[in-house]
Amino acid sequence: QDGKLCLYADLKLGFSVDYEDLDDEVGTQTAAFPLPDDAKSDESTCGETQSVLKLNFGAGNSWSITFSKTGESYQADTINFTYNLGDPVYFPNTKSEDLVTVTTMPTITNVGVDTSYSCKSAEELKGGAVSMTLSDVLIQAFISDGVMSDSSKYMCCDTAHPGYSVSHICLQLLDTKKFRLHALNVSLTSGSPVGSTNLSLWEASVGSSYMCNKEQTFNISDSLTIYTFSLHVQPFGVQKGVFSTAQECSLDDTSILVPIIVGAALAGLILIVVIAYVIGRRKTYVGYQTL
């Protein structure tokens, strides 16, 4: 908008669409394909209270997500996927040439203005004969003055669990060299959210992972304590879905135990020598007492 960045999106998007094959004996086919790299965003729009990211690809296919802003927060309202069954690239040997649109409701809500939304995990959205999978999402709508928020201002997606939900699990990029766990909030079904946004845990170098196999206890707040074991995380620079070389916590680093054990053994030996010396001195003194 006016030559300035107003809406940013970096994401992975996959589609699975059921359609009728021209051959009745074949019946239903399933077309599975990712959003192509050459998708065009030139029909996207930015406004004061509503913005739309629209991606066009192929022969009449498009995917769009609509954002609205209220006060100091914004959310994603709808996702629309329009697909052309007459496009032979994505729907070969199709019986129909209809243009079909499905609408789904995303789960991006209550994101602060000048804040990015981040979600590494995959989310499946279904509508009609379509299943869409979103992953590795980084989005910011209603960008002020054409400048994205810095790495410390983002909101992470929720992960639901029976009885509680863990939200805002944010691993912050400190600079270009380090990352750490910055925020953790837990929402209980029968209580108010608890957590902290001022943490400094699990720090490691970008390009590596953080690992701690031993059990650890972290006091996140006065009312929240978490226990971890077999922990392995890497928020940035993951290649081909495989963890990079791990930086291990001190509890796992056996190289630290060696000097500790040696030092303890030497201290014990010195203590034994001192005790033996004191006992020997006392015996010598007793032998020369005056009768």
C-alpha atoms as a PDB file:
ATOM      1  CA  GLN A   1       0.000   0.000   0.000  1.00  0.00           C
ATOM      2  CA  ASP A   2       1.540   3.298  -1.156  1.00  0.00           C
ATOM      3  CA  GLY A   3       4.784   1.409  -1.694  1.00  0.00           C
ATOM      4  CA  LYS A   4       4.921   0.264   1.961  1.00  0.00           C
ATOM      5  CA  LEU A   5       4.563  -3.193   3.443  1.00  0.00           C
ATOM      6  CA  CYS A   6       1.100  -3.484   5.019  1.00  0.00           C
ATOM      7  CA  LEU A   7       0.519  -7.257   5.188  1.00  0.00           C
ATOM      8  CA  TYR A   8       3.116 -10.011   5.539  1.00  0.00           C
ATOM      9  CA  ALA A   9       2.628 -13.770   5.251  1.00  0.00           C
ATOM     10  CA  ASP A  10       5.072 -16.658   5.096  1.00  0.00           C
ATOM     11  CA  LEU A  11       3.418 -20.073   5.293  1.00  0.00           C
ATOM     12  CA  LYS A  12       3.145 -23.585   3.922  1.00  0.00           C
ATOM     13  CA  LEU A  13      -0.220 -24.558   2.486  1.00  0.00           C
ATOM     14  CA  GLY A  14      -1.372 -27.915   1.164  1.00  0.00           C
ATOM     15  CA  PHE A  15      -4.677 -28.915  -0.449  1.00  0.00           C
ATOM     16  CA  SER A  16      -6.562 -32.186  -0.759  1.00  0.00           C
ATOM     17  CA  VAL A  17      -9.684 -32.103  -2.954  1.00  0.00           C
ATOM     18  CA  ASP A  18     -12.071 -34.944  -3.802  1.00  0.00           C
ATOM     19  CA  TYR A  19     -13.648 -34.769  -7.273  1.00  0.00           C
ATOM     20  CA  GLU A  20     -15.522 -37.007  -9.704  1.00  0.00           C
ATOM     21  CA  ASP A  21     -13.490 -38.696 -12.425  1.00  0.00           C
ATOM     22  CA  LEU A  22     -14.758 -38.655 -15.992  1.00  0.00           C
ATOM     23  CA  ASP A  23     -14.674 -42.446 -15.936  1.00  0.00           C
ATOM     24  CA  ASP A  24     -17.616 -43.633 -13.840  1.00  0.00           C
ATOM     25  CA  GLU A  25     -15.795 -46.867 -13.062  1.00  0.00           C
ATOM     26  CA  VAL A  26     -12.994 -44.898 -11.405  1.00  0.00           C
ATOM     27  CA  GLY A  27     -15.430 -42.858  -9.334  1.00  0.00           C
ATOM     28  CA  THR A  28     -13.941 -40.321  -6.941  1.00  0.00           C
ATOM     29  CA  GLN A  29     -10.401 -39.057  -7.342  1.00  0.00           C
ATOM     30  CA  THR A  30      -8.361 -37.088  -4.802  1.00  0.00           C
ATOM     31  CA  ALA A  31      -6.156 -34.244  -5.952  1.00  0.00           C
ATOM     32  CA  ALA A  32      -3.379 -33.415  -3.474  1.00  0.00           C
ATOM     33  CA  PHE A  33      -1.082 -30.474  -4.163  1.00  0.00           C
ATOM     34  CA  PRO A  34       0.773 -27.653  -2.371  1.00  0.00           C
ATOM     35  CA  LEU A  35       0.350 -23.960  -2.967  1.00  0.00           C
ATOM     36  CA  PRO A  36       2.688 -23.351  -5.922  1.00  0.00           C
ATOM     37  CA  ASP A  37       5.672 -21.054  -5.557  1.00  0.00           C
ATOM     38  CA  ASP A  38       4.464 -18.870  -8.438  1.00  0.00           C
ATOM     39  CA  ALA A  39       1.154 -17.928  -6.754  1.00  0.00           C
ATOM     40  CA  LYS A  40       0.374 -14.230  -7.284  1.00  0.00           C
ATOM     41  CA  SER A  41      -0.648 -11.861  -4.483  1.00  0.00           C
ATOM     42  CA  ASP A  42      -1.367  -8.765  -6.584  1.00  0.00           C
ATOM     43  CA  GLU A  43      -5.099  -8.821  -5.725  1.00  0.00           C
ATOM     44  CA  SER A  44      -4.441  -8.529  -1.984  1.00  0.00           C
ATOM     45  CA  THR A  45      -5.777  -5.405  -0.278  1.00  0.00           C
ATOM     46  CA  CYS A  46      -4.990  -3.435   2.887  1.00  0.00           C
ATOM     47  CA  GLY A  47      -7.377  -1.163   4.762  1.00  0.00           C
ATOM     48  CA  GLU A  48      -7.673   0.563   8.105  1.00  0.00           C
ATOM     49  CA  THR A  49      -9.888  -2.119   9.649  1.00  0.00           C
ATOM     50  CA  GLN A  50      -9.940  -4.911   7.044  1.00  0.00           C
ATOM     51  CA  SER A  51      -7.195  -6.524   4.972  1.00  0.00           C
ATOM     52  CA  VAL A  52      -7.253  -9.454   2.562  1.00  0.00           C
ATOM     53  CA  LEU A  53      -4.376 -11.667   1.469  1.00  0.00           C
ATOM     54  CA  LYS A  54      -5.351 -13.290  -1.834  1.00  0.00           C
ATOM     55  CA  LEU A  55      -3.168 -15.780  -3.697  1.00  0.00           C
ATOM     56  CA  ASN A  56      -4.074 -16.712  -7.279  1.00  0.00           C
ATOM     57  CA  PHE A  57      -2.638 -19.733  -9.057  1.00  0.00           C
ATOM     58  CA  GLY A  58      -3.349 -21.968 -12.019  1.00  0.00           C
ATOM     59  CA  ALA A  59      -6.453 -21.463 -14.159  1.00  0.00           C
ATOM     60  CA  GLY A  60      -8.886 -19.654 -11.877  1.00  0.00           C
ATOM     61  CA  ASN A  61      -7.789 -21.068  -8.501  1.00  0.00           C
ATOM     62  CA  SER A  62      -7.347 -18.789  -5.497  1.00  0.00           C
ATOM     63  CA  TRP A  63      -6.854 -18.876  -1.731  1.00  0.00           C
ATOM     64  CA  SER A  64      -7.588 -15.889   0.495  1.00  0.00           C
ATOM     65  CA  ILE A  65      -7.647 -14.997   4.177  1.00  0.00           C
ATOM     66  CA  THR A  66      -9.504 -11.950   5.525  1.00  0.00           C
ATOM     67  CA  PHE A  67      -8.338  -9.993   8.584  1.00  0.00           C
ATOM     68  CA  SER A  68     -10.245  -7.456  10.660  1.00  0.00           C
ATOM     69  CA  LYS A  69      -8.963  -5.019  13.289  1.00  0.00           C
ATOM     70  CA  THR A  70     -10.820  -3.915  16.395  1.00  0.00           C
ATOM     71  CA  GLY A  71      -9.110  -1.481  18.730  1.00  0.00           C
ATOM     72  CA  GLU A  72      -5.600  -2.712  19.526  1.00  0.00           C
ATOM     73  CA  SER A  73      -5.965  -6.257  18.187  1.00  0.00           C
ATOM     74  CA  TYR A  74      -6.723  -8.084  14.960  1.00  0.00           C
ATOM     75  CA  GLN A  75      -7.915 -11.522  13.903  1.00  0.00           C
ATOM     76  CA  ALA A  76      -8.443 -13.695  10.834  1.00  0.00           C
ATOM     77  CA  ASP A  77     -12.164 -13.940  10.049  1.00  0.00           C
ATOM     78  CA  THR A  78     -12.452 -16.332   7.110  1.00  0.00           C
ATOM     79  CA  ILE A  79     -10.428 -18.398   4.677  1.00  0.00           C
ATOM     80  CA  ASN A  80     -11.844 -18.857   1.177  1.00  0.00           C
ATOM     81  CA  PHE A  81     -10.546 -21.410  -1.299  1.00  0.00           C
ATOM     82  CA  THR A  82     -11.873 -21.238  -4.847  1.00  0.00           C
ATOM     83  CA  TYR A  83     -10.891 -24.045  -7.181  1.00  0.00           C
ATOM     84  CA  ASN A  84     -11.626 -24.622 -10.845  1.00  0.00           C
ATOM     85  CA  LEU A  85     -12.467 -28.264 -11.519  1.00  0.00           C
ATOM     86  CA  GLY A  86     -11.827 -27.513 -15.185  1.00  0.00           C
ATOM     87  CA  ASP A  87      -8.118 -26.914 -14.513  1.00  0.00           C
ATOM     88  CA  PRO A  88      -6.449 -30.067 -15.923  1.00  0.00           C
ATOM     89  CA  VAL A  89      -3.179 -29.366 -14.111  1.00  0.00           C
ATOM     90  CA  TYR A  90      -4.734 -29.965 -10.699  1.00  0.00           C
ATOM     91  CA  PHE A  91      -7.839 -31.984 -11.631  1.00  0.00           C
ATOM     92  CA  PRO A  92      -6.965 -34.318 -14.501  1.00  0.00           C
ATOM     93  CA  ASN A  93      -9.735 -36.282 -16.206  1.00  0.00           C
ATOM     94  CA  THR A  94     -12.413 -34.429 -14.246  1.00  0.00           C
ATOM     95  CA  LYS A  95     -16.090 -34.834 -15.018  1.00  0.00           C
ATOM     96  CA  SER A  96     -17.079 -31.336 -13.890  1.00  0.00           C
ATOM     97  CA  GLU A  97     -15.763 -27.930 -14.865  1.00  0.00           C
ATOM     98  CA  ASP A  98     -17.478 -26.068 -12.031  1.00  0.00           C
ATOM     99  CA  LEU A  99     -15.892 -23.243 -10.075  1.00  0.00           C
ATOM    100  CA  VAL A 100     -16.279 -24.183  -6.401  1.00  0.00           C
ATOM    101  CA  THR A 101     -15.689 -22.029  -3.297  1.00  0.00           C
ATOM    102  CA  VAL A 102     -15.362 -23.335   0.256  1.00  0.00           C
ATOM    103  CA  THR A 103     -15.145 -21.172   3.375  1.00  0.00           C
ATOM    104  CA  THR A 104     -13.541 -22.132   6.681  1.00  0.00           C
ATOM    105  CA  MET A 105     -12.898 -20.363   9.970  1.00  0.00           C
ATOM    106  CA  PRO A 106      -9.238 -19.977  11.005  1.00  0.00           C
ATOM    107  CA  THR A 107      -8.092 -19.935  14.633  1.00  0.00           C
ATOM    108  CA  ILE A 108      -6.031 -16.735  14.487  1.00  0.00           C
ATOM    109  CA  THR A 109      -7.634 -14.471  17.085  1.00  0.00           C
ATOM    110  CA  ASN A 110      -6.793 -11.617  19.452  1.00  0.00           C
ATOM    111  CA  VAL A 111      -3.387 -10.758  17.989  1.00  0.00           C
ATOM    112  CA  GLY A 112      -2.059  -7.415  19.168  1.00  0.00           C
ATOM    113  CA  VAL A 113      -1.491  -4.647  16.646  1.00  0.00           C
ATOM    114  CA  ASP A 114       2.195  -4.453  15.649  1.00  0.00           C
ATOM    115  CA  THR A 115       2.514  -8.122  16.601  1.00  0.00           C
ATOM    116  CA  SER A 116       3.165 -11.122  14.357  1.00  0.00           C
ATOM    117  CA  TYR A 117       1.294 -14.424  14.600  1.00  0.00           C
ATOM    118  CA  SER A 118       3.477 -17.538  14.506  1.00  0.00           C
ATOM    119  CA  CYS A 119       2.510 -21.215  14.351  1.00  0.00           C
ATOM    120  CA  LYS A 120       4.973 -23.955  13.444  1.00  0.00           C
ATOM    121  CA  SER A 121       2.585 -26.865  13.953  1.00  0.00           C
ATOM    122  CA  ALA A 122       0.179 -28.041  11.255  1.00  0.00           C
ATOM    123  CA  GLU A 123      -3.502 -27.094  11.371  1.00  0.00           C
ATOM    124  CA  GLU A 124      -6.063 -28.890   9.215  1.00  0.00           C
ATOM    125  CA  LEU A 125      -9.098 -26.961   7.972  1.00  0.00           C
ATOM    126  CA  LYS A 126     -11.977 -28.773   6.264  1.00  0.00           C
ATOM    127  CA  GLY A 127     -14.857 -27.590   4.141  1.00  0.00           C
ATOM    128  CA  GLY A 128     -16.954 -29.536   1.644  1.00  0.00           C
ATOM    129  CA  ALA A 129     -14.727 -31.861  -0.381  1.00  0.00           C
ATOM    130  CA  VAL A 130     -11.615 -29.912   0.614  1.00  0.00           C
ATOM    131  CA  SER A 131      -9.006 -30.340   3.316  1.00  0.00           C
ATOM    132  CA  MET A 132      -6.382 -27.608   3.737  1.00  0.00           C
ATOM    133  CA  THR A 133      -3.262 -27.902   5.890  1.00  0.00           C
ATOM    134  CA  LEU A 134      -1.514 -24.785   7.196  1.00  0.00           C
ATOM    135  CA  SER A 135       1.935 -25.008   8.788  1.00  0.00           C
ATOM    136  CA  ASP A 136       5.046 -22.909   9.491  1.00  0.00           C
ATOM    137  CA  VAL A 137       2.858 -19.819   9.574  1.00  0.00           C
ATOM    138  CA  LEU A 138       4.204 -16.322  10.186  1.00  0.00           C
ATOM    139  CA  ILE A 139       1.665 -13.565   9.542  1.00  0.00           C
ATOM    140  CA  GLN A 140       1.342  -9.909  10.425  1.00  0.00           C
ATOM    141  CA  ALA A 141      -1.600  -7.805   9.284  1.00  0.00           C
ATOM    142  CA  PHE A 142      -2.073  -4.031   9.643  1.00  0.00           C
ATOM    143  CA  ILE A 143       1.661  -3.295   9.650  1.00  0.00           C
ATOM    144  CA  SER A 144       2.427   0.258  10.784  1.00  0.00           C
ATOM    145  CA  ASP A 145       4.685   2.477   8.672  1.00  0.00           C
ATOM    146  CA  GLY A 146       5.725  -0.449   6.479  1.00  0.00           C
ATOM    147  CA  VAL A 147       7.913  -2.031   9.183  1.00  0.00           C
ATOM    148  CA  MET A 148       7.277  -5.479  10.677  1.00  0.00           C
ATOM    149  CA  SER A 149       7.432  -5.973  14.438  1.00  0.00           C
ATOM    150  CA  ASP A 150      10.760  -7.074  15.886  1.00  0.00           C
ATOM    151  CA  SER A 151      11.407 -10.697  16.832  1.00  0.00           C
ATOM    152  CA  SER A 152      10.334 -10.196  20.456  1.00  0.00           C
ATOM    153  CA  LYS A 153       6.756  -9.202  19.555  1.00  0.00           C
ATOM    154  CA  TYR A 154       4.810 -12.161  18.299  1.00  0.00           C
ATOM    155  CA  MET A 155       1.964 -14.381  19.416  1.00  0.00           C
ATOM    156  CA  CYS A 156       2.187 -18.154  19.117  1.00  0.00           C
ATOM    157  CA  CYS A 157      -0.610 -20.567  18.323  1.00  0.00           C
ATOM    158  CA  ASP A 158      -2.450 -22.589  20.988  1.00  0.00           C
ATOM    159  CA  THR A 159      -1.967 -26.304  21.558  1.00  0.00           C
ATOM    160  CA  ALA A 160      -5.003 -27.932  23.159  1.00  0.00           C
ATOM    161  CA  HIS A 161      -4.830 -30.703  25.779  1.00  0.00           C
ATOM    162  CA  PRO A 162      -7.548 -32.412  27.839  1.00  0.00           C
ATOM    163  CA  GLY A 163      -8.425 -30.178  30.770  1.00  0.00           C
ATOM    164  CA  TYR A 164      -6.104 -27.328  29.838  1.00  0.00           C
ATOM    165  CA  SER A 165      -4.525 -25.556  26.926  1.00  0.00           C
ATOM    166  CA  VAL A 166      -0.982 -24.317  26.533  1.00  0.00           C
ATOM    167  CA  SER A 167      -0.775 -21.046  24.682  1.00  0.00           C
ATOM    168  CA  HIS A 168       1.907 -18.530  23.790  1.00  0.00           C
ATOM    169  CA  ILE A 169       4.731 -21.065  23.764  1.00  0.00           C
ATOM    170  CA  CYS A 170       7.163 -18.556  22.325  1.00  0.00           C
ATOM    171  CA  LEU A 171      10.803 -19.207  21.594  1.00  0.00           C
ATOM    172  CA  GLN A 172      12.350 -15.806  21.039  1.00  0.00           C
ATOM    173  CA  LEU A 173      15.249 -15.000  18.739  1.00  0.00           C
ATOM    174  CA  LEU A 174      17.584 -12.922  20.927  1.00  0.00           C
ATOM    175  CA  ASP A 175      19.715 -11.786  18.020  1.00  0.00           C
ATOM    176  CA  THR A 176      21.058 -13.568  14.978  1.00  0.00           C
ATOM    177  CA  LYS A 177      23.024 -16.001  17.162  1.00  0.00           C
ATOM    178  CA  LYS A 178      20.861 -17.162  20.093  1.00  0.00           C
ATOM    179  CA  PHE A 179      17.311 -18.279  20.897  1.00  0.00           C
ATOM    180  CA  ARG A 180      15.518 -18.969  24.185  1.00  0.00           C
ATOM    181  CA  LEU A 181      12.107 -19.741  25.657  1.00  0.00           C
ATOM    182  CA  HIS A 182      10.572 -16.318  26.213  1.00  0.00           C
ATOM    183  CA  ALA A 183       6.918 -16.868  27.182  1.00  0.00           C
ATOM    184  CA  LEU A 184       4.653 -19.650  28.404  1.00  0.00           C
ATOM    185  CA  ASN A 185       0.980 -19.303  29.345  1.00  0.00           C
ATOM    186  CA  VAL A 186      -1.377 -22.080  30.438  1.00  0.00           C
ATOM    187  CA  SER A 187      -5.170 -21.748  30.353  1.00  0.00           C
ATOM    188  CA  LEU A 188      -7.125 -24.065  32.646  1.00  0.00           C
ATOM    189  CA  THR A 189     -10.715 -25.056  31.960  1.00  0.00           C
ATOM    190  CA  SER A 190     -11.658 -24.012  35.482  1.00  0.00           C
ATOM    191  CA  GLY A 191      -9.506 -20.981  36.124  1.00  0.00           C
ATOM    192  CA  SER A 192      -7.687 -17.940  34.804  1.00  0.00           C
ATOM    193  CA  PRO A 193      -4.611 -18.220  32.558  1.00  0.00           C
ATOM    194  CA  VAL A 194      -1.280 -18.408  34.370  1.00  0.00           C
ATOM    195  CA  GLY A 195       2.252 -18.108  33.103  1.00  0.00           C
ATOM    196  CA  SER A 196       5.062 -15.696  32.382  1.00  0.00           C
ATOM    197  CA  THR A 197       6.298 -13.585  29.483  1.00  0.00           C
ATOM    198  CA  ASN A 198       9.702 -12.906  30.993  1.00  0.00           C
ATOM    199  CA  LEU A 199      11.517 -16.244  30.830  1.00  0.00           C
ATOM    200  CA  SER A 200      15.105 -17.045  29.902  1.00  0.00           C
ATOM    201  CA  LEU A 201      15.144 -20.827  29.474  1.00  0.00           C
ATOM    202  CA  TRP A 202      16.471 -23.368  26.964  1.00  0.00           C
ATOM    203  CA  GLU A 203      18.990 -20.999  25.412  1.00  0.00           C
ATOM    204  CA  ALA A 204      21.069 -22.258  22.494  1.00  0.00           C
ATOM    205  CA  SER A 205      22.704 -21.046  19.307  1.00  0.00           C
ATOM    206  CA  VAL A 206      20.637 -20.531  16.166  1.00  0.00           C
ATOM    207  CA  GLY A 207      21.381 -23.390  13.795  1.00  0.00           C
ATOM    208  CA  SER A 208      21.499 -25.900  16.641  1.00  0.00           C
ATOM    209  CA  SER A 209      18.876 -27.510  18.878  1.00  0.00           C
ATOM    210  CA  TYR A 210      18.489 -27.556  22.663  1.00  0.00           C
ATOM    211  CA  MET A 211      18.266 -30.925  24.408  1.00  0.00           C
ATOM    212  CA  CYS A 212      17.899 -32.045  28.017  1.00  0.00           C
ATOM    213  CA  ASN A 213      17.082 -35.688  28.723  1.00  0.00           C
ATOM    214  CA  LYS A 214      17.141 -35.439  32.517  1.00  0.00           C
ATOM    215  CA  GLU A 215      14.087 -34.380  34.500  1.00  0.00           C
ATOM    216  CA  GLN A 216      13.925 -30.673  35.298  1.00  0.00           C
ATOM    217  CA  THR A 217      11.569 -28.479  37.303  1.00  0.00           C
ATOM    218  CA  PHE A 218      10.827 -24.875  36.334  1.00  0.00           C
ATOM    219  CA  ASN A 219       8.884 -22.427  38.495  1.00  0.00           C
ATOM    220  CA  ILE A 220       7.193 -20.340  35.812  1.00  0.00           C
ATOM    221  CA  SER A 221       5.131 -18.298  38.273  1.00  0.00           C
ATOM    222  CA  ASP A 222       3.825 -18.493  41.844  1.00  0.00           C
ATOM    223  CA  SER A 223       1.024 -20.802  40.678  1.00  0.00           C
ATOM    224  CA  LEU A 224       2.662 -22.640  37.763  1.00  0.00           C
ATOM    225  CA  THR A 225       5.461 -25.204  37.817  1.00  0.00           C
ATOM    226  CA  ILE A 226       6.350 -27.392  34.851  1.00  0.00           C
ATOM    227  CA  TYR A 227       8.304 -30.643  34.737  1.00  0.00           C
ATOM    228  CA  THR A 228      10.235 -31.669  31.633  1.00  0.00           C
ATOM    229  CA  PHE A 229      12.219 -34.708  30.558  1.00  0.00           C
ATOM    230  CA  SER A 230      13.522 -35.920  27.190  1.00  0.00           C
ATOM    231  CA  LEU A 231      13.221 -32.303  26.036  1.00  0.00           C
ATOM    232  CA  HIS A 232      14.391 -31.496  22.508  1.00  0.00           C
ATOM    233  CA  VAL A 233      13.468 -28.223  20.778  1.00  0.00           C
ATOM    234  CA  GLN A 234      14.601 -26.219  17.774  1.00  0.00           C
ATOM    235  CA  PRO A 235      12.472 -23.239  16.701  1.00  0.00           C
ATOM    236  CA  PHE A 236      14.696 -21.929  13.900  1.00  0.00           C
ATOM    237  CA  GLY A 237      16.770 -23.344  11.070  1.00  0.00           C
ATOM    238  CA  VAL A 238      15.255 -26.834  10.944  1.00  0.00           C
ATOM    239  CA  GLN A 239      16.399 -28.635   7.799  1.00  0.00           C
ATOM    240  CA  LYS A 240      14.288 -31.411   6.250  1.00  0.00           C
ATOM    241  CA  GLY A 241      12.415 -31.984   9.497  1.00  0.00           C
ATOM    242  CA  VAL A 242      15.550 -33.126  11.363  1.00  0.00           C
ATOM    243  CA  PHE A 243      17.031 -31.607  14.530  1.00  0.00           C
ATOM    244  CA  SER A 244      20.431 -29.968  14.166  1.00  0.00           C
ATOM    245  CA  THR A 245      23.336 -30.813  16.472  1.00  0.00           C
ATOM    246  CA  ALA A 246      22.132 -30.432  20.052  1.00  0.00           C
ATOM    247  CA  GLN A 247      23.493 -28.165  22.742  1.00  0.00           C
ATOM    248  CA  GLU A 248      22.885 -30.222  25.873  1.00  0.00           C
ATOM    249  CA  CYS A 249      21.891 -28.923  29.271  1.00  0.00           C
ATOM    250  CA  SER A 250      24.423 -29.130  32.102  1.00  0.00           C
ATOM    251  CA  LEU A 251      22.545 -32.077  33.622  1.00  0.00           C
ATOM    252  CA  ASP A 252      23.245 -34.160  30.521  1.00  0.00           C
ATOM    253  CA  ASP A 253      26.805 -32.982  29.946  1.00  0.00           C
ATOM    254  CA  THR A 254      28.948 -35.788  31.366  1.00  0.00           C
ATOM    255  CA  SER A 255      32.124 -33.790  30.708  1.00  0.00           C
ATOM    256  CA  ILE A 256      31.179 -31.621  33.696  1.00  0.00           C
ATOM    257  CA  LEU A 257      30.784 -34.645  35.964  1.00  0.00           C
ATOM    258  CA  VAL A 258      34.385 -35.805  35.509  1.00  0.00           C
ATOM    259  CA  PRO A 259      36.072 -32.827  37.229  1.00  0.00           C
ATOM    260  CA  ILE A 260      33.355 -32.846  39.906  1.00  0.00           C
ATOM    261  CA  ILE A 261      33.991 -36.526  40.698  1.00  0.00           C
ATOM    262  CA  VAL A 262      37.771 -36.074  40.633  1.00  0.00           C
ATOM    263  CA  GLY A 263      37.523 -32.999  42.855  1.00  0.00           C
ATOM    264  CA  ALA A 264      35.275 -34.804  45.337  1.00  0.00           C
ATOM    265  CA  ALA A 265      37.673 -37.770  45.454  1.00  0.00           C
ATOM    266  CA  LEU A 266      40.673 -35.502  46.076  1.00  0.00           C
ATOM    267  CA  ALA A 267      38.786 -33.621  48.786  1.00  0.00           C
ATOM    268  CA  GLY A 268      37.919 -36.924  50.457  1.00  0.00           C
ATOM    269  CA  LEU A 269      41.539 -38.097  50.259  1.00  0.00           C
ATOM    270  CA  ILE A 270      42.824 -34.848  51.775  1.00  0.00           C
ATOM    271  CA  LEU A 271      40.267 -35.127  54.572  1.00  0.00           C
ATOM    272  CA  ILE A 272      41.426 -38.692  55.356  1.00  0.00           C
ATOM    273  CA  VAL A 273      45.080 -37.579  55.438  1.00  0.00           C
ATOM    274  CA  VAL A 274      44.259 -34.680  57.767  1.00  0.00           C
ATOM    275  CA  ILE A 275      42.282 -36.929  60.132  1.00  0.00           C
ATOM    276  CA  ALA A 276      45.090 -39.511  60.156  1.00  0.00           C
ATOM    277  CA  TYR A 277      47.635 -36.790  60.882  1.00  0.00           C
ATOM    278  CA  VAL A 278      45.596 -35.398  63.787  1.00  0.00           C
ATOM    279  CA  ILE A 279      45.117 -38.871  65.285  1.00  0.00           C
ATOM    280  CA  GLY A 280      48.849 -39.591  64.908  1.00  0.00           C
ATOM    281  CA  ARG A 281      49.791 -36.351  66.621  1.00  0.00           C
ATOM    282  CA  ARG A 282      47.473 -37.082  69.547  1.00  0.00           C
ATOM    283  CA  LYS A 283      48.969 -40.562  70.033  1.00  0.00           C
ATOM    284  CA  THR A 284      52.505 -39.164  69.969  1.00  0.00           C
ATOM    285  CA  TYR A 285      51.603 -36.528  72.538  1.00  0.00           C
ATOM    286  CA  VAL A 286      50.006 -39.092  74.853  1.00  0.00           C
ATOM    287  CA  GLY A 287      53.170 -41.288  74.752  1.00  0.00           C
ATOM    288  CA  TYR A 288      55.317 -38.558  76.340  1.00  0.00           C
ATOM    289  CA  GLN A 289      53.003 -37.603  79.205  1.00  0.00           C
ATOM    290  CA  THR A 290      54.653 -37.222  82.687  1.00  0.00           C
ATOM    291  CA  LEU A 291      53.666 -39.944  85.127  1.00  0.00           C
END
